[in-house]
Structures are given as structure tokens and as C-alpha cells.
N, C-alpha and C. Protein backbone atom coordinates (compact mmCIF):
# COMPACT_ATOMS: atom_id res chain seq x y z
N MET A 1 118.80 79.07 101.28
CA MET A 1 119.15 79.42 102.64
C MET A 1 118.63 78.33 103.56
N ARG A 2 119.48 77.73 104.32
CA ARG A 2 119.11 76.64 105.23
C ARG A 2 119.27 77.10 106.67
N PHE A 3 118.38 76.61 107.47
CA PHE A 3 118.47 76.86 108.90
C PHE A 3 118.97 75.58 109.55
N PRO A 4 120.14 75.62 110.15
CA PRO A 4 120.69 74.38 110.71
C PRO A 4 119.88 73.84 111.87
N SER A 5 119.14 74.70 112.57
CA SER A 5 118.40 74.20 113.73
C SER A 5 117.11 73.48 113.32
N LEU A 6 116.63 73.70 112.10
CA LEU A 6 115.38 73.08 111.65
C LEU A 6 115.70 71.97 110.66
N LEU A 7 115.25 70.81 110.95
CA LEU A 7 115.41 69.71 110.03
C LEU A 7 114.08 69.45 109.34
N MET A 8 114.12 68.90 108.18
CA MET A 8 112.89 68.65 107.42
C MET A 8 112.02 67.59 108.08
N THR A 9 112.60 66.70 108.87
CA THR A 9 111.82 65.64 109.50
C THR A 9 111.13 66.11 110.76
N GLU A 10 111.52 67.23 111.31
CA GLU A 10 110.90 67.73 112.53
C GLU A 10 109.71 68.62 112.18
N PHE A 11 108.75 68.64 113.05
CA PHE A 11 107.61 69.52 112.90
C PHE A 11 107.17 69.96 114.28
N HIS A 12 106.34 70.96 114.30
CA HIS A 12 105.85 71.46 115.58
C HIS A 12 104.78 70.50 116.08
N PRO A 13 104.95 69.88 117.25
CA PRO A 13 104.04 68.83 117.68
C PRO A 13 102.61 69.31 117.90
N SER A 14 102.41 70.50 118.44
CA SER A 14 101.05 70.93 118.73
C SER A 14 100.33 71.37 117.47
N LEU A 15 101.05 71.61 116.40
CA LEU A 15 100.41 72.06 115.17
C LEU A 15 99.58 70.95 114.56
N PHE A 16 100.09 69.74 114.56
CA PHE A 16 99.38 68.63 113.94
C PHE A 16 98.80 67.66 114.96
N ARG A 17 98.91 68.00 116.22
CA ARG A 17 98.45 67.18 117.33
C ARG A 17 99.07 65.78 117.29
N ARG A 18 100.31 65.74 116.86
CA ARG A 18 101.08 64.49 116.84
C ARG A 18 102.26 64.64 117.77
N LYS A 19 102.77 63.53 118.17
CA LYS A 19 103.95 63.55 119.02
C LYS A 19 105.20 63.57 118.16
N ASN A 20 106.16 64.29 118.62
CA ASN A 20 107.46 64.25 117.98
C ASN A 20 108.12 62.92 118.33
N LYS A 21 108.94 62.42 117.49
CA LYS A 21 109.57 61.12 117.71
C LYS A 21 110.40 61.11 118.98
N SER A 22 110.93 62.26 119.35
CA SER A 22 111.78 62.31 120.53
C SER A 22 110.97 62.44 121.81
N GLU A 23 109.67 62.77 121.70
CA GLU A 23 108.83 62.92 122.89
C GLU A 23 108.33 61.57 123.34
N ASP A 24 108.35 61.34 124.62
CA ASP A 24 107.84 60.09 125.16
C ASP A 24 106.60 60.32 126.01
N THR A 25 106.34 61.55 126.40
CA THR A 25 105.18 61.82 127.25
C THR A 25 103.97 62.07 126.37
N PRO A 26 102.80 61.57 126.76
CA PRO A 26 101.60 61.80 125.95
C PRO A 26 101.17 63.27 126.04
N GLU A 27 100.67 63.76 124.93
CA GLU A 27 100.22 65.15 124.87
C GLU A 27 98.77 65.22 125.30
N VAL A 28 98.45 66.20 126.12
CA VAL A 28 97.09 66.38 126.59
C VAL A 28 96.38 67.30 125.61
N VAL A 29 95.27 66.79 125.06
CA VAL A 29 94.49 67.57 124.11
C VAL A 29 93.38 68.26 124.88
N PRO A 30 93.32 69.60 124.83
CA PRO A 30 92.26 70.29 125.57
C PRO A 30 90.89 70.01 124.93
N GLU A 31 89.89 70.00 125.80
CA GLU A 31 88.54 69.73 125.33
C GLU A 31 88.00 71.00 124.66
N THR A 32 87.43 70.86 123.49
CA THR A 32 86.91 72.02 122.77
C THR A 32 85.40 72.02 122.87
N LYS A 33 84.85 73.20 123.03
CA LYS A 33 83.41 73.36 123.09
C LYS A 33 82.91 73.69 121.70
N SER A 34 81.74 73.18 121.38
CA SER A 34 81.19 73.48 120.06
C SER A 34 80.63 74.90 120.08
N THR A 35 80.90 75.62 119.04
CA THR A 35 80.45 76.99 118.93
C THR A 35 79.22 77.03 118.04
N SER A 36 78.18 77.67 118.52
CA SER A 36 76.98 77.77 117.70
C SER A 36 76.95 79.15 117.05
N ILE A 37 76.59 79.17 115.81
CA ILE A 37 76.48 80.42 115.06
C ILE A 37 75.03 80.86 115.11
N PRO A 38 74.76 82.09 115.56
CA PRO A 38 73.36 82.53 115.65
C PRO A 38 72.74 82.67 114.27
N GLN A 39 71.49 82.28 114.18
CA GLN A 39 70.78 82.37 112.91
C GLN A 39 70.24 83.77 112.66
N ASN A 40 69.91 84.49 113.71
CA ASN A 40 69.38 85.84 113.57
C ASN A 40 70.37 86.83 114.15
N THR A 41 70.29 88.05 113.67
CA THR A 41 71.13 89.10 114.21
C THR A 41 70.44 89.69 115.43
N LEU A 42 70.98 90.76 115.93
CA LEU A 42 70.40 91.43 117.08
C LEU A 42 69.01 91.96 116.75
N TYR A 43 68.84 92.37 115.53
CA TYR A 43 67.57 92.92 115.10
C TYR A 43 66.79 91.84 114.35
N GLU A 44 65.48 91.87 114.47
CA GLU A 44 64.65 90.89 113.77
C GLU A 44 64.62 91.16 112.27
N GLU A 45 64.65 92.42 111.90
CA GLU A 45 64.63 92.77 110.48
C GLU A 45 65.93 93.49 110.13
N PRO A 46 66.32 93.48 108.86
CA PRO A 46 67.59 94.10 108.50
C PRO A 46 67.56 95.61 108.68
N LEU A 47 68.76 96.19 108.76
CA LEU A 47 68.88 97.64 108.97
C LEU A 47 68.27 98.44 107.84
N VAL A 48 68.31 97.89 106.63
CA VAL A 48 67.80 98.64 105.47
C VAL A 48 66.32 98.92 105.63
N SER A 49 65.56 97.95 106.13
CA SER A 49 64.13 98.18 106.27
C SER A 49 63.81 98.94 107.55
N GLN A 50 64.71 98.94 108.53
CA GLN A 50 64.46 99.70 109.74
C GLN A 50 64.62 101.20 109.52
N HIS A 51 65.60 101.57 108.73
CA HIS A 51 65.88 102.98 108.49
C HIS A 51 65.28 103.38 107.15
N ARG A 52 64.10 103.92 107.20
CA ARG A 52 63.45 104.37 105.98
C ARG A 52 64.12 105.67 105.52
N VAL A 53 64.16 105.85 104.23
CA VAL A 53 64.77 107.05 103.67
C VAL A 53 63.82 108.21 103.90
N LYS A 54 64.34 109.28 104.50
CA LYS A 54 63.49 110.43 104.82
C LYS A 54 63.48 111.46 103.70
N LYS A 55 64.45 111.38 102.81
CA LYS A 55 64.53 112.37 101.74
C LYS A 55 63.53 112.01 100.66
N LYS A 56 62.71 112.96 100.30
CA LYS A 56 61.68 112.69 99.30
C LYS A 56 61.95 113.45 98.01
N TYR A 57 63.22 113.67 97.71
CA TYR A 57 63.51 114.32 96.45
C TYR A 57 64.34 113.41 95.57
N VAL A 58 64.21 113.65 94.27
CA VAL A 58 64.92 112.89 93.25
C VAL A 58 65.76 113.88 92.45
N THR A 59 66.98 113.50 92.13
CA THR A 59 67.85 114.34 91.31
C THR A 59 67.78 113.84 89.87
N ILE A 60 67.43 114.74 88.97
CA ILE A 60 67.40 114.46 87.53
C ILE A 60 68.59 115.21 86.93
N TYR A 61 69.38 114.53 86.10
CA TYR A 61 70.60 115.15 85.58
C TYR A 61 70.83 114.70 84.14
N GLY A 62 71.76 115.40 83.48
CA GLY A 62 72.21 114.99 82.15
C GLY A 62 71.45 115.62 81.00
N PHE A 63 70.92 116.80 81.17
CA PHE A 63 70.19 117.47 80.09
C PHE A 63 70.76 118.86 79.89
N THR A 64 70.49 119.44 78.74
CA THR A 64 70.96 120.79 78.43
C THR A 64 69.90 121.80 78.84
N PRO A 65 70.28 123.07 78.99
CA PRO A 65 69.29 124.08 79.37
C PRO A 65 68.15 124.24 78.37
N ARG A 66 68.39 123.97 77.09
CA ARG A 66 67.30 124.10 76.12
C ARG A 66 66.27 122.98 76.27
N ASN A 67 66.66 121.89 76.94
CA ASN A 67 65.77 120.75 77.12
C ASN A 67 65.12 120.75 78.51
N LEU A 68 65.32 121.79 79.29
CA LEU A 68 64.84 121.84 80.66
C LEU A 68 63.32 121.75 80.76
N ASP A 69 62.61 122.47 79.89
CA ASP A 69 61.14 122.47 79.96
C ASP A 69 60.56 121.08 79.68
N ALA A 70 61.14 120.37 78.72
CA ALA A 70 60.65 119.03 78.40
C ALA A 70 60.93 118.06 79.55
N VAL A 71 62.06 118.23 80.21
CA VAL A 71 62.39 117.36 81.35
C VAL A 71 61.44 117.64 82.51
N ILE A 72 61.17 118.91 82.78
CA ILE A 72 60.26 119.25 83.88
C ILE A 72 58.85 118.74 83.58
N ASP A 73 58.42 118.80 82.33
CA ASP A 73 57.10 118.25 81.97
C ASP A 73 57.05 116.75 82.21
N ALA A 74 58.15 116.05 81.88
CA ALA A 74 58.19 114.60 82.11
C ALA A 74 58.18 114.29 83.60
N VAL A 75 58.86 115.11 84.40
CA VAL A 75 58.90 114.89 85.84
C VAL A 75 57.54 115.19 86.47
N LYS A 76 56.88 116.24 86.01
CA LYS A 76 55.57 116.58 86.56
C LYS A 76 54.51 115.54 86.22
N SER A 77 54.74 114.78 85.17
CA SER A 77 53.79 113.71 84.84
C SER A 77 53.89 112.53 85.81
N CYS A 78 54.94 112.50 86.62
CA CYS A 78 55.12 111.40 87.58
C CYS A 78 54.31 111.59 88.85
N GLY A 79 54.00 112.81 89.22
CA GLY A 79 53.24 113.06 90.44
C GLY A 79 53.27 114.53 90.82
N ASP A 80 52.74 114.82 92.01
CA ASP A 80 52.68 116.19 92.49
C ASP A 80 54.07 116.65 92.93
N VAL A 81 54.54 117.71 92.29
CA VAL A 81 55.86 118.27 92.60
C VAL A 81 55.67 119.39 93.62
N LEU A 82 56.36 119.27 94.76
CA LEU A 82 56.25 120.30 95.79
C LEU A 82 57.26 121.42 95.59
N GLU A 83 58.47 121.06 95.15
CA GLU A 83 59.53 122.05 95.01
C GLU A 83 60.53 121.57 93.97
N VAL A 84 61.13 122.52 93.25
CA VAL A 84 62.17 122.20 92.27
C VAL A 84 63.37 123.09 92.56
N GLU A 85 64.54 122.47 92.69
CA GLU A 85 65.80 123.20 92.88
C GLU A 85 66.60 123.05 91.60
N TYR A 86 67.02 124.17 91.02
CA TYR A 86 67.67 124.16 89.72
C TYR A 86 69.19 124.24 89.85
N GLY A 87 69.88 123.50 88.97
CA GLY A 87 71.33 123.57 88.83
C GLY A 87 71.66 123.78 87.37
N LYS A 88 72.94 123.64 86.99
CA LYS A 88 73.32 123.84 85.58
C LYS A 88 72.69 122.80 84.67
N ASN A 89 72.96 121.51 84.96
CA ASN A 89 72.37 120.47 84.13
C ASN A 89 71.67 119.42 85.00
N TRP A 90 71.15 119.86 86.14
CA TRP A 90 70.43 118.96 87.03
C TRP A 90 69.33 119.71 87.75
N ILE A 91 68.37 118.97 88.26
CA ILE A 91 67.33 119.54 89.11
C ILE A 91 67.06 118.56 90.25
N ASN A 92 66.76 119.10 91.41
CA ASN A 92 66.26 118.30 92.53
C ASN A 92 64.77 118.53 92.62
N VAL A 93 64.01 117.46 92.57
CA VAL A 93 62.56 117.56 92.58
C VAL A 93 62.05 116.93 93.87
N LEU A 94 61.28 117.69 94.64
CA LEU A 94 60.72 117.21 95.90
C LEU A 94 59.29 116.75 95.65
N PHE A 95 59.01 115.49 96.05
CA PHE A 95 57.68 114.91 95.88
C PHE A 95 57.02 114.74 97.24
N ASP A 96 55.70 114.49 97.21
CA ASP A 96 54.98 114.33 98.47
C ASP A 96 54.80 112.87 98.89
N ASN A 97 54.93 111.91 97.97
CA ASN A 97 54.73 110.51 98.35
C ASN A 97 55.72 109.60 97.63
N GLU A 98 55.79 108.36 98.11
CA GLU A 98 56.75 107.38 97.60
C GLU A 98 56.41 106.92 96.19
N GLU A 99 55.15 106.82 95.86
CA GLU A 99 54.77 106.35 94.52
C GLU A 99 55.24 107.32 93.44
N SER A 100 55.14 108.60 93.71
CA SER A 100 55.63 109.60 92.75
C SER A 100 57.15 109.49 92.59
N ILE A 101 57.83 109.21 93.68
CA ILE A 101 59.29 109.06 93.61
C ILE A 101 59.65 107.85 92.77
N LYS A 102 58.95 106.74 92.97
CA LYS A 102 59.23 105.52 92.20
C LYS A 102 58.96 105.73 90.71
N ARG A 103 57.89 106.44 90.40
CA ARG A 103 57.61 106.73 88.98
C ARG A 103 58.68 107.63 88.38
N CYS A 104 59.17 108.59 89.16
CA CYS A 104 60.20 109.49 88.66
C CYS A 104 61.53 108.76 88.50
N LEU A 105 61.83 107.81 89.36
CA LEU A 105 63.07 107.04 89.24
C LEU A 105 63.06 106.16 88.00
N ARG A 106 61.89 105.83 87.50
CA ARG A 106 61.81 105.05 86.25
C ARG A 106 62.23 105.88 85.04
N LEU A 107 62.35 107.20 85.20
CA LEU A 107 62.83 108.05 84.11
C LEU A 107 64.33 107.90 83.88
N ASN A 108 65.01 107.17 84.75
CA ASN A 108 66.44 106.97 84.60
C ASN A 108 66.73 106.28 83.27
N THR A 109 67.67 106.81 82.53
CA THR A 109 68.11 106.34 81.20
C THR A 109 67.01 106.39 80.15
N THR A 110 66.06 107.30 80.31
CA THR A 110 65.07 107.51 79.24
C THR A 110 65.54 108.66 78.36
N MET A 111 65.05 108.66 77.14
CA MET A 111 65.45 109.68 76.17
C MET A 111 64.33 110.71 76.05
N ILE A 112 64.69 111.96 76.32
CA ILE A 112 63.75 113.07 76.18
C ILE A 112 64.36 114.06 75.20
N GLU A 113 63.73 114.21 74.06
CA GLU A 113 64.18 115.10 72.98
C GLU A 113 65.66 114.87 72.65
N ASP A 114 65.99 113.65 72.32
CA ASP A 114 67.33 113.24 71.89
C ASP A 114 68.41 113.37 72.96
N GLU A 115 68.03 113.41 74.21
CA GLU A 115 68.99 113.43 75.31
C GLU A 115 68.60 112.37 76.34
N ILE A 116 69.58 111.60 76.76
CA ILE A 116 69.33 110.59 77.78
C ILE A 116 69.52 111.24 79.15
N ILE A 117 68.50 111.17 79.99
CA ILE A 117 68.59 111.76 81.32
C ILE A 117 68.79 110.65 82.35
N GLY A 118 69.29 111.05 83.50
CA GLY A 118 69.48 110.12 84.61
C GLY A 118 68.67 110.60 85.80
N ALA A 119 68.23 109.65 86.63
CA ALA A 119 67.48 109.97 87.83
C ALA A 119 67.98 109.09 88.97
N PHE A 120 68.22 109.70 90.10
CA PHE A 120 68.61 108.91 91.27
C PHE A 120 68.11 109.59 92.53
N ARG A 121 68.03 108.80 93.57
CA ARG A 121 67.60 109.29 94.87
C ARG A 121 68.78 109.19 95.81
N GLN A 122 69.19 110.30 96.35
CA GLN A 122 70.36 110.31 97.22
C GLN A 122 70.04 109.57 98.51
N GLY A 123 70.90 108.59 98.84
CA GLY A 123 70.70 107.82 100.06
C GLY A 123 69.58 106.82 99.96
N GLY A 124 69.13 106.48 98.79
CA GLY A 124 68.03 105.53 98.64
C GLY A 124 68.46 104.13 99.01
N GLY A 125 68.08 103.66 100.19
CA GLY A 125 68.40 102.32 100.61
C GLY A 125 69.77 102.16 101.24
N ILE A 126 70.56 103.21 101.28
CA ILE A 126 71.89 103.13 101.86
C ILE A 126 71.84 103.68 103.28
N ILE A 127 72.39 102.95 104.20
CA ILE A 127 72.40 103.37 105.59
C ILE A 127 73.63 104.22 105.83
N GLU A 128 73.42 105.41 106.32
CA GLU A 128 74.54 106.29 106.60
C GLU A 128 75.05 106.04 108.01
N ASP A 129 76.28 106.44 108.27
CA ASP A 129 76.92 106.16 109.55
C ASP A 129 76.16 106.77 110.73
N HIS A 130 75.61 107.95 110.55
CA HIS A 130 74.94 108.60 111.68
C HIS A 130 73.59 107.97 111.98
N ASP A 131 73.07 107.09 111.10
CA ASP A 131 71.80 106.42 111.35
C ASP A 131 71.96 105.16 112.20
N ILE A 132 73.17 104.66 112.33
CA ILE A 132 73.40 103.44 113.08
C ILE A 132 73.66 103.78 114.54
N PHE A 133 72.93 103.12 115.44
CA PHE A 133 73.06 103.38 116.87
C PHE A 133 74.35 102.77 117.38
N VAL A 134 75.15 103.58 118.04
CA VAL A 134 76.38 103.12 118.67
C VAL A 134 76.29 103.45 120.15
N ARG A 135 76.46 102.42 120.96
CA ARG A 135 76.39 102.64 122.40
C ARG A 135 77.66 103.35 122.86
N LYS A 136 77.48 104.49 123.50
CA LYS A 136 78.61 105.27 123.98
C LYS A 136 78.67 105.21 125.50
N LYS A 137 79.83 105.55 126.04
CA LYS A 137 79.99 105.54 127.48
C LYS A 137 79.20 106.69 128.10
N GLY A 138 78.64 106.40 129.25
CA GLY A 138 77.89 107.42 129.97
C GLY A 138 78.80 108.30 130.80
N VAL A 139 78.22 109.28 131.44
CA VAL A 139 78.97 110.23 132.25
C VAL A 139 79.58 109.52 133.45
N PHE A 140 78.80 108.67 134.11
CA PHE A 140 79.29 107.97 135.30
C PHE A 140 80.46 107.06 134.96
N THR A 141 80.36 106.33 133.85
CA THR A 141 81.45 105.45 133.43
C THR A 141 82.70 106.25 133.10
N SER A 142 82.54 107.39 132.46
CA SER A 142 83.69 108.24 132.13
C SER A 142 84.38 108.76 133.39
N ILE A 143 83.58 109.14 134.39
CA ILE A 143 84.16 109.63 135.65
C ILE A 143 84.90 108.51 136.36
N MET A 144 84.30 107.31 136.40
CA MET A 144 84.94 106.18 137.07
C MET A 144 86.25 105.80 136.37
N GLU A 145 86.26 105.83 135.05
CA GLU A 145 87.49 105.52 134.33
C GLU A 145 88.55 106.60 134.56
N TYR A 146 88.11 107.84 134.68
CA TYR A 146 89.06 108.92 134.94
C TYR A 146 89.69 108.77 136.32
N LEU A 147 88.86 108.44 137.31
CA LEU A 147 89.35 108.33 138.68
C LEU A 147 90.17 107.06 138.92
N PHE A 148 89.66 105.93 138.42
CA PHE A 148 90.27 104.64 138.76
C PHE A 148 90.97 103.96 137.60
N GLY A 149 90.88 104.50 136.42
CA GLY A 149 91.52 103.88 135.25
C GLY A 149 90.64 102.79 134.66
N ASN A 150 91.12 102.17 133.64
CA ASN A 150 90.33 101.14 132.96
C ASN A 150 90.23 99.92 133.78
């Protein structure tokens, strides 16, 4: 498919900053300012370290009901357990300090009585949407936009 108006020898002059052969007037090149890329973000430290995880429970999963007592014994060896929430093949264990949580997370992929269990902390290190500050319009700005438009 050929376009009769476009020839292979022609090109868009401003694209390559060259003059077309038919142009006789010099092209004015606008002055460009150098753009600096900031080295730091708005915050001095990353968001991950600013928003500490408030949940102090660990979910242990992947065991059968007959193996529940052995799993709970292994979890209790990690630290002081404040509360245990039971499910079919999982438990949520609430701890009082971070060191106990870290020791319990090391139980991930360990074998207890011929069963491999998993351990994870919900929201561990992940920033949720409601934790990020978003500047919203105030009441006065909303009224002004309503009365006078954008």
C-alpha cells in the first residue's frame, strides 16, 4: 500500500532537526533546559521502614488435625504465645514481641512429624493502600470549586 503524498525522500523536518530540501528559511531550535533528577524522594527513609507492621500474629498452615499438638509445641518453643486462633489446617498465633515472631517465621518449610508446615506474617513488610497518606481536598476548596468551577 503506497501513499502518493509521502515520498521516501521526504521526512518531517522537526523530527530530525534538519531542513527539508525545499525549505530555504533556517529553523529556530528552542533552547532546552537541563532537567535534574532528584537523588532523594520526599521522605528521607523508604516507606517500608516508616510503616511498621502492627500485626503481631503469625499464620502457621499445612498440617493435619492429628499433628496439631506437635505444631503448637513447636510454636510455643519460639516465644510467649498470647493467643491462638484455630482453623481447619491453620492457626493464627499472637506473640508479644518481634523476636518471637522472627523465630516462629523460621519454622516455614520445616518438617514436624512427617509434615512440612508453612509460616507467614500477613502484611509483613508490605505497605497497604490505606497506610499511604494521600492529600485530599479540604472543605473550603470543595466549596470554591462548587461555586466557581475548576
